[in-house]
Structure formats: C-alpha cells, structure tokens
Amino acid sequence: MGYIFSKLTSFYDDYPLEILFSVLLFYGSYLLSEFFGFSGVIAVVTSGLILGNYGAKIGMSPITKMNINSFWDVTSLLANSIVFLLVGLEIANINLNDKWEIIGIGILIVLVSRAVVVYGMLIFVKDIPSKWKHVVNWGGLRGSLSIALALSLTQDFKGRDEIIVLSFSIVFFSLLVQGTTISYLIKALGIRKQAPAIQKNEVLFTSYHRSRRALKHLYRLQDDAVITPVTFRKMKESYEQTINEAKNQMEKLLLDHPELEKELEEKALAEALAAEHEAVDILARRLLISEELAEIEKDKILNRLGKKDLE
C-alpha cells in the first residue's frame, strides 16, 4: 500500500489531496492488516517509511512536503495528548496499592533488557566510543505507542489492568527519570567537553565582542551628552585596550593551535548557510520569488548544513 500510494501521489500536485491520500494510506493499512490478523501498528510504520522516503522523492513537491509534515506534526501531537488523557482515565479506575512491586520489576526488566541489547549489539562496533554507548542505553525513552497498544486490548482480556499500569509506569519513568537526567549523564561522561584551546578562544571571542558592543554604546552616550568627554575618553581607552588584547591573543592562539582553523571554518559556514536561508525566506515573504522555488532553495541549504553536521 505504501508503494501504491507513493505512485499515486506522483500523478497529482495538490497538497490537500495528497494529505488525504496519506490519511487513507495509514488508516487503510491499519484496518487491512488487522483484518488479516497482522500488526496494524507495524503496517502503518512501514507504509509511513515508504511514503516518507520513496513517495516524497518521486511524487511530492516542496510545498506538499512542508504541508504534509505540518499536518502530521499537529495530528501526532493531538494523538499523543488523547492517548495520555485516556490512560489517565483508565489508571484512575485501577487500584495501584498491590501493583507497586510489579511496576518496579517491570522497570528493572526494561532497563536490563535494553542494556543487554545495546551493549550486546555494539560490542562488535569499534567505531562507537564506550561513552556514547552509555548515552544510547540510557536514552531509551518510551512514548505513547506502547500505551495505545495496551489501551487497544479488549475489556475481557486477562491481565489488561496490569498491562496498562506497566505500560504507563515504564513510559512515565523513561520520560521523567531518563529524559530529565540524560543531559547530566552527557556532562558527567565529558562528551561535550571542549578542548582547552577552543574554550580559551571562546572566552577571548566573548570578551572581544562584549567590549566592542560596549564601545559602540559609549559613542551613543557621548552623542546624547549622558557622559562627559573626560569619562568617554577614559572608558574608550580601556575598552579599546581590551579589544586589542583579545584580538592579539586570538591570533596567537590560532598560530599555536592550527586545528582551531577548522573549528572556526565550520562555525563560519553554519552562519553563512543560516544567512542564505534567511535571505531566501525574505525574498519569498516579499513575493519576489515563488514559494515553491523558496522551498527548493531552502531544502538545498538545509541539505548542505546536514552534510556538514554529519562530517
């Protein structure tokens, strides 16, 4: 079905119709799979992957991609909100007093099983540092899909309440505990730790721009007669000295650490691509170029930015 609807979208260039096609595809593939006794959820995921990659490549214009992504972003947010609302209503009718033990065991089993899978699979991959493996393991967040599957069980299904409680508890634990502590884990492992030369350059860079900004403001204060000429000259000399010192030290640091050049080039390229993206956006808003061309050009820029990040 994913392949058929991908081909179908290539015959039309009408994004409301193509959005409708995607709705029919996902809902239809779910019902069809369930009818034959297969997993409707896996069918929807598979058809979505095909439509989002193959279908988008052969049959979707940039405007269609933008609108269909916006539509499903809003729809998924709404669906997530409804799922958590429904599970809240279900949990309210379930007695949790005798279920704390299985909740703890369930969370422990999920953590251990993920660790076995992650470390077991990545033990043969030498290109991934061990610190990254810890982050991948702890980053196993769960979402609304497992809760939706639990809620889809019929009322007469044996153990339905326990499955709903376990699903909600594990999702809640992953979001509240793992989701809020992963940044501290990354910091503790030193993954984001910068080289001393880069840190020093950033300090000097900050000092340089702070002083330049302050100096510009001083000129405005002098023009507005807020400060006296004597005060202006005194503060001006101080800031100019700081600017010159920071500039000289940055140049010396660059000579001592040539690897900084690549870091600065990457930052400059990111800034330049951001400026290109903004320029295209302005042209489109002023109706100087078509929206379709603007989306094509912005996609090119984002692709370049994405390749740079991968490198």
Protein backbone atom coordinates (compact mmCIF):
# COMPACT_ATOMS: atom_id res chain seq x y z
CA MET A 1 0.00 0.00 0.00
CA GLY A 2 2.89 2.35 0.72
CA TYR A 3 4.28 1.73 -2.75
CA ILE A 4 0.87 2.12 -4.45
CA PHE A 5 0.09 5.41 -2.70
CA SER A 6 3.62 6.68 -3.41
CA LYS A 7 2.96 6.13 -7.12
CA LEU A 8 -0.49 7.70 -6.76
CA THR A 9 0.92 10.94 -5.31
CA SER A 10 3.24 11.28 -8.31
CA PHE A 11 0.22 11.83 -10.60
CA TYR A 12 -1.01 14.88 -8.65
CA ASP A 13 0.44 18.15 -7.40
CA ASP A 14 -2.29 19.13 -4.96
CA TYR A 15 -1.20 19.01 -1.34
CA PRO A 16 -4.71 18.82 0.25
CA LEU A 17 -5.41 15.76 -1.91
CA GLU A 18 -2.01 14.23 -1.08
CA ILE A 19 -2.63 14.78 2.64
CA LEU A 20 -5.93 12.94 2.21
CA PHE A 21 -4.06 10.13 0.43
CA SER A 22 -1.72 9.80 3.43
CA VAL A 23 -4.69 9.59 5.83
CA LEU A 24 -6.29 6.89 3.68
CA LEU A 25 -2.98 5.03 3.46
CA PHE A 26 -2.33 4.91 7.20
CA TYR A 27 -5.90 4.20 8.26
CA GLY A 28 -6.42 1.71 5.43
CA SER A 29 -3.18 -0.19 6.02
CA TYR A 30 -4.05 -0.48 9.72
CA LEU A 31 -7.54 -1.86 9.07
CA LEU A 32 -6.36 -4.21 6.32
CA SER A 33 -3.56 -5.65 8.46
CA GLU A 34 -5.81 -6.12 11.47
CA PHE A 35 -8.41 -7.83 9.26
CA PHE A 36 -5.85 -10.45 8.17
CA GLY A 37 -4.51 -10.89 11.71
CA PHE A 38 -1.27 -8.94 11.31
CA SER A 39 0.04 -5.95 13.29
CA GLY A 40 -1.75 -2.78 12.23
CA VAL A 41 0.86 -0.63 14.02
CA ILE A 42 3.79 -2.20 12.15
CA ALA A 43 1.85 -1.82 8.90
CA VAL A 44 1.35 1.90 9.49
CA VAL A 45 5.02 2.40 10.40
CA THR A 46 6.16 0.52 7.28
CA SER A 47 3.79 2.33 4.93
CA GLY A 48 4.82 5.66 6.51
CA LEU A 49 8.51 4.92 5.93
CA ILE A 50 7.85 4.08 2.29
CA LEU A 51 5.67 7.13 1.66
CA GLY A 52 8.01 9.46 3.55
CA ASN A 53 11.11 8.33 1.68
CA TYR A 54 10.25 6.81 -1.69
CA GLY A 55 6.92 8.63 -2.13
CA ALA A 56 8.32 12.01 -1.12
CA LYS A 57 11.21 11.59 -3.56
CA ILE A 58 9.16 10.64 -6.64
CA GLY A 59 5.87 12.46 -6.15
CA MET A 60 5.88 15.33 -3.65
CA SER A 61 6.68 18.95 -4.38
CA PRO A 62 8.44 21.05 -1.70
CA ILE A 63 5.12 22.72 -0.79
CA THR A 64 3.45 19.32 -0.37
CA LYS A 65 6.29 18.09 1.85
CA MET A 66 6.03 21.19 4.03
CA ASN A 67 2.24 20.97 4.40
CA ILE A 68 2.05 17.22 4.89
CA ASN A 69 4.75 17.38 7.57
CA SER A 70 2.92 20.22 9.34
CA PHE A 71 -0.37 18.28 9.18
CA TRP A 72 1.09 15.13 10.71
CA ASP A 73 3.08 17.07 13.31
CA VAL A 74 -0.15 18.58 14.62
CA THR A 75 -2.02 15.28 14.30
CA SER A 76 0.65 13.33 16.21
CA LEU A 77 0.67 15.95 18.97
CA LEU A 78 -3.12 15.71 19.25
CA ALA A 79 -2.99 11.89 19.21
CA ASN A 80 -0.33 11.82 21.94
CA SER A 81 -2.41 14.16 24.09
CA ILE A 82 -5.53 11.99 23.65
CA VAL A 83 -3.62 8.78 24.45
CA PHE A 84 -2.22 10.17 27.71
CA LEU A 85 -5.66 11.54 28.61
CA LEU A 86 -7.25 8.13 28.02
CA VAL A 87 -4.63 6.28 30.04
CA GLY A 88 -5.12 8.78 32.86
CA LEU A 89 -8.84 7.99 32.90
CA GLU A 90 -8.06 4.25 32.90
CA ILE A 91 -5.45 4.49 35.68
CA ALA A 92 -7.92 6.39 37.86
CA ASN A 93 -10.15 3.29 37.95
CA ILE A 94 -7.33 0.85 38.77
CA ASN A 95 -6.17 0.11 42.32
CA LEU A 96 -2.38 0.58 42.40
CA ASN A 97 -1.82 -0.47 46.02
CA ASP A 98 -0.94 -4.07 45.14
CA LYS A 99 0.92 -3.27 41.92
CA TRP A 100 3.99 -1.33 43.09
CA GLU A 101 6.08 -4.50 43.14
CA ILE A 102 5.34 -5.45 39.52
CA ILE A 103 5.88 -1.82 38.47
CA GLY A 104 9.39 -1.86 39.96
CA ILE A 105 10.16 -5.26 38.45
CA GLY A 106 8.81 -4.13 35.05
CA ILE A 107 11.00 -1.02 35.00
CA LEU A 108 14.04 -3.07 36.05
CA ILE A 109 13.41 -5.67 33.34
CA VAL A 110 13.13 -2.98 30.65
CA LEU A 111 16.36 -1.29 31.78
CA VAL A 112 18.30 -4.57 31.93
CA SER A 113 16.95 -5.87 28.61
CA ARG A 114 17.82 -2.62 26.83
CA ALA A 115 21.33 -2.70 28.30
CA VAL A 116 21.79 -6.29 27.08
CA VAL A 117 20.60 -5.39 23.57
CA VAL A 118 22.56 -2.11 23.27
CA TYR A 119 25.87 -3.32 24.67
CA GLY A 120 25.45 -6.75 23.07
CA MET A 121 24.91 -5.32 19.59
CA LEU A 122 27.51 -2.56 19.85
CA ILE A 123 30.28 -4.71 21.31
CA PHE A 124 31.36 -5.57 17.76
CA VAL A 125 31.26 -1.94 16.57
CA LYS A 126 34.61 -0.41 17.40
CA ASP A 127 33.92 2.99 15.83
CA ILE A 128 31.46 3.92 18.61
CA PRO A 129 33.17 5.13 21.83
CA SER A 130 32.06 3.44 25.05
CA LYS A 131 30.77 6.76 26.43
CA TRP A 132 28.34 7.04 23.53
CA LYS A 133 27.07 3.53 24.24
CA HIS A 134 26.12 4.59 27.77
CA VAL A 135 24.14 7.52 26.37
CA VAL A 136 22.41 5.31 23.78
CA ASN A 137 21.47 2.86 26.54
CA TRP A 138 20.10 5.49 28.93
CA GLY A 139 18.36 7.33 26.06
CA GLY A 140 15.77 4.58 25.59
CA LEU A 141 12.72 6.77 26.07
CA ARG A 142 9.26 5.28 25.59
CA GLY A 143 6.25 7.10 24.20
CA SER A 144 2.56 6.81 23.63
CA LEU A 145 2.70 3.89 21.18
CA SER A 146 3.01 1.22 23.86
CA ILE A 147 0.21 2.88 25.85
CA ALA A 148 -2.01 2.96 22.76
CA LEU A 149 -1.39 -0.75 22.20
CA ALA A 150 -2.26 -1.51 25.83
CA LEU A 151 -5.46 0.54 25.62
CA SER A 152 -6.47 -1.34 22.47
CA LEU A 153 -6.85 -4.56 24.45
CA THR A 154 -10.47 -5.59 24.99
CA GLN A 155 -12.06 -5.23 28.43
CA ASP A 156 -12.28 -9.03 28.88
CA PHE A 157 -8.56 -9.55 28.14
CA LYS A 158 -6.94 -11.27 31.13
CA GLY A 159 -4.37 -9.04 32.84
CA ARG A 160 -5.44 -5.92 30.93
CA ASP A 161 -5.20 -3.66 34.00
CA GLU A 162 -1.69 -4.89 34.83
CA ILE A 163 -0.51 -4.32 31.24
CA ILE A 164 -1.92 -0.78 31.21
CA VAL A 165 -0.32 0.02 34.58
CA LEU A 166 3.04 -1.41 33.46
CA SER A 167 2.97 0.43 30.13
CA PHE A 168 2.13 3.76 31.73
CA SER A 169 4.66 3.34 34.57
CA ILE A 170 7.54 2.43 32.25
CA VAL A 171 6.74 5.30 29.88
CA PHE A 172 6.39 7.71 32.81
CA PHE A 173 9.72 6.52 34.30
CA SER A 174 11.55 6.88 30.98
CA LEU A 175 10.24 10.40 30.39
CA LEU A 176 10.56 11.70 33.95
CA VAL A 177 13.80 9.99 35.07
CA GLN A 178 15.77 9.09 31.95
CA GLY A 179 14.59 12.09 29.93
CA THR A 180 15.50 14.63 32.60
CA THR A 181 18.85 13.10 33.61
CA ILE A 182 20.42 12.28 30.23
CA SER A 183 21.90 15.78 29.90
CA TYR A 184 23.63 15.31 33.28
CA LEU A 185 24.93 11.92 32.10
CA ILE A 186 26.37 13.52 28.96
CA LYS A 187 28.05 16.19 31.09
CA ALA A 188 29.36 13.62 33.59
CA LEU A 189 30.84 11.49 30.81
CA GLY A 190 32.55 14.56 29.35
CA ILE A 191 31.11 14.03 25.87
CA ARG A 192 30.51 17.74 25.37
CA LYS A 193 33.83 18.68 26.88
CA GLN A 194 35.71 21.08 24.65
CA ALA A 195 39.42 21.19 24.04
CA PRO A 196 41.23 23.81 26.20
CA ALA A 197 42.23 25.81 23.11
CA ILE A 198 38.62 26.03 21.93
CA GLN A 199 37.44 27.06 25.39
CA LYS A 200 40.10 29.77 25.61
CA ASN A 201 39.22 31.03 22.14
CA GLU A 202 35.55 31.30 23.11
CA VAL A 203 36.46 33.28 26.24
CA LEU A 204 38.57 35.71 24.19
CA PHE A 205 35.90 35.87 21.48
CA THR A 206 33.27 36.75 24.09
CA SER A 207 35.49 39.41 25.64
CA TYR A 208 36.18 40.92 22.21
CA HIS A 209 32.51 41.22 21.28
CA ARG A 210 31.41 42.41 24.72
CA SER A 211 33.92 45.23 24.60
CA ARG A 212 33.04 46.18 21.00
CA ARG A 213 29.36 46.34 21.88
CA ALA A 214 30.08 48.44 24.96
CA LEU A 215 32.31 50.79 22.94
CA LYS A 216 29.55 51.39 20.39
CA HIS A 217 27.18 52.19 23.24
CA LEU A 218 29.69 54.63 24.70
CA TYR A 219 29.66 56.63 21.46
CA ARG A 220 25.88 56.89 21.69
CA LEU A 221 26.12 58.03 25.31
CA GLN A 222 28.61 60.71 24.30
CA ASP A 223 26.38 61.89 21.45
CA ASP A 224 23.44 62.11 23.85
CA ALA A 225 25.58 64.03 26.39
CA VAL A 226 24.99 61.38 29.04
CA ILE A 227 28.70 61.22 29.90
CA THR A 228 31.42 63.88 29.89
CA PRO A 229 34.25 63.89 27.30
CA VAL A 230 36.75 63.01 30.01
CA THR A 231 34.76 59.94 31.11
CA PHE A 232 34.25 58.95 27.49
CA ARG A 233 37.97 59.06 26.69
CA LYS A 234 38.89 57.15 29.83
CA MET A 235 36.38 54.34 29.21
CA LYS A 236 37.10 54.31 25.49
CA GLU A 237 40.81 53.69 26.07
CA SER A 238 40.02 50.86 28.49
CA TYR A 239 37.68 49.10 26.07
CA GLU A 240 39.99 49.60 23.10
CA GLN A 241 42.82 48.06 25.08
CA THR A 242 40.66 45.03 25.92
CA ILE A 243 39.61 44.66 22.27
CA ASN A 244 43.20 44.80 21.00
CA GLU A 245 44.44 42.36 23.64
CA ALA A 246 41.67 39.87 22.89
CA LYS A 247 42.30 40.15 19.15
CA ASN A 248 46.06 39.65 19.54
CA GLN A 249 45.61 36.68 21.85
CA MET A 250 43.14 35.04 19.45
CA GLU A 251 45.63 35.43 16.59
CA LYS A 252 48.42 33.96 18.72
CA LEU A 253 46.16 31.09 19.80
CA LEU A 254 45.38 30.32 16.18
CA LEU A 255 49.09 30.14 15.36
CA ASP A 256 49.76 27.82 18.30
CA HIS A 257 46.74 25.60 17.57
CA PRO A 258 46.13 25.20 13.80
CA GLU A 259 43.23 22.78 14.50
CA LEU A 260 41.22 25.82 15.59
CA GLU A 261 41.07 26.94 11.96
CA LYS A 262 38.79 24.04 11.03
CA GLU A 263 36.53 24.72 14.01
CA LEU A 264 36.20 28.38 13.03
CA GLU A 265 35.58 27.48 9.37
CA GLU A 266 32.71 25.18 10.39
CA LYS A 267 31.15 27.92 12.51
CA ALA A 268 31.55 30.44 9.70
CA LEU A 269 29.95 28.03 7.21
CA ALA A 270 26.99 27.41 9.54
CA GLU A 271 26.50 31.16 9.96
CA ALA A 272 26.77 31.74 6.20
CA LEU A 273 24.21 29.00 5.43
CA ALA A 274 21.86 30.45 8.04
CA ALA A 275 22.19 33.84 6.33
CA GLU A 276 21.42 32.22 2.94
CA HIS A 277 18.32 30.58 4.41
CA GLU A 278 17.16 33.91 5.87
CA ALA A 279 17.74 35.66 2.51
CA VAL A 280 15.56 33.13 0.66
CA ASP A 281 12.90 33.49 3.35
CA ILE A 282 12.86 37.29 2.95
CA LEU A 283 12.59 37.04 -0.85
CA ALA A 284 9.61 34.69 -0.53
CA ARG A 285 7.85 36.91 2.05
CA ARG A 286 8.28 39.92 -0.26
CA LEU A 287 6.82 37.84 -3.12
CA LEU A 288 9.96 38.37 -5.18
CA ILE A 289 10.26 34.62 -5.77
CA SER A 290 7.68 31.84 -5.74
CA GLU A 291 7.02 29.81 -2.61
CA GLU A 292 7.89 26.64 -4.49
CA LEU A 293 11.31 27.94 -5.53
CA ALA A 294 11.92 29.18 -1.99
CA GLU A 295 11.25 25.70 -0.56
CA ILE A 296 13.58 24.11 -3.13
CA GLU A 297 16.39 26.55 -2.31
CA LYS A 298 15.88 26.17 1.46
CA ASP A 299 15.99 22.39 1.10
CA LYS A 300 19.34 22.70 -0.71
CA ILE A 301 20.71 24.87 2.09
CA LEU A 302 19.46 22.53 4.82
CA ASN A 303 20.92 19.54 2.99
CA ARG A 304 24.32 21.25 2.89
CA LEU A 305 24.02 22.05 6.58
CA GLY A 306 23.03 18.44 7.32
CA LYS A 307 26.01 17.06 5.39
CA LYS A 308 28.32 19.42 7.23
CA ASP A 309 26.98 18.20 10.60
CA LEU A 310 27.45 14.55 9.54
CA GLU A 311 31.04 15.24 8.58
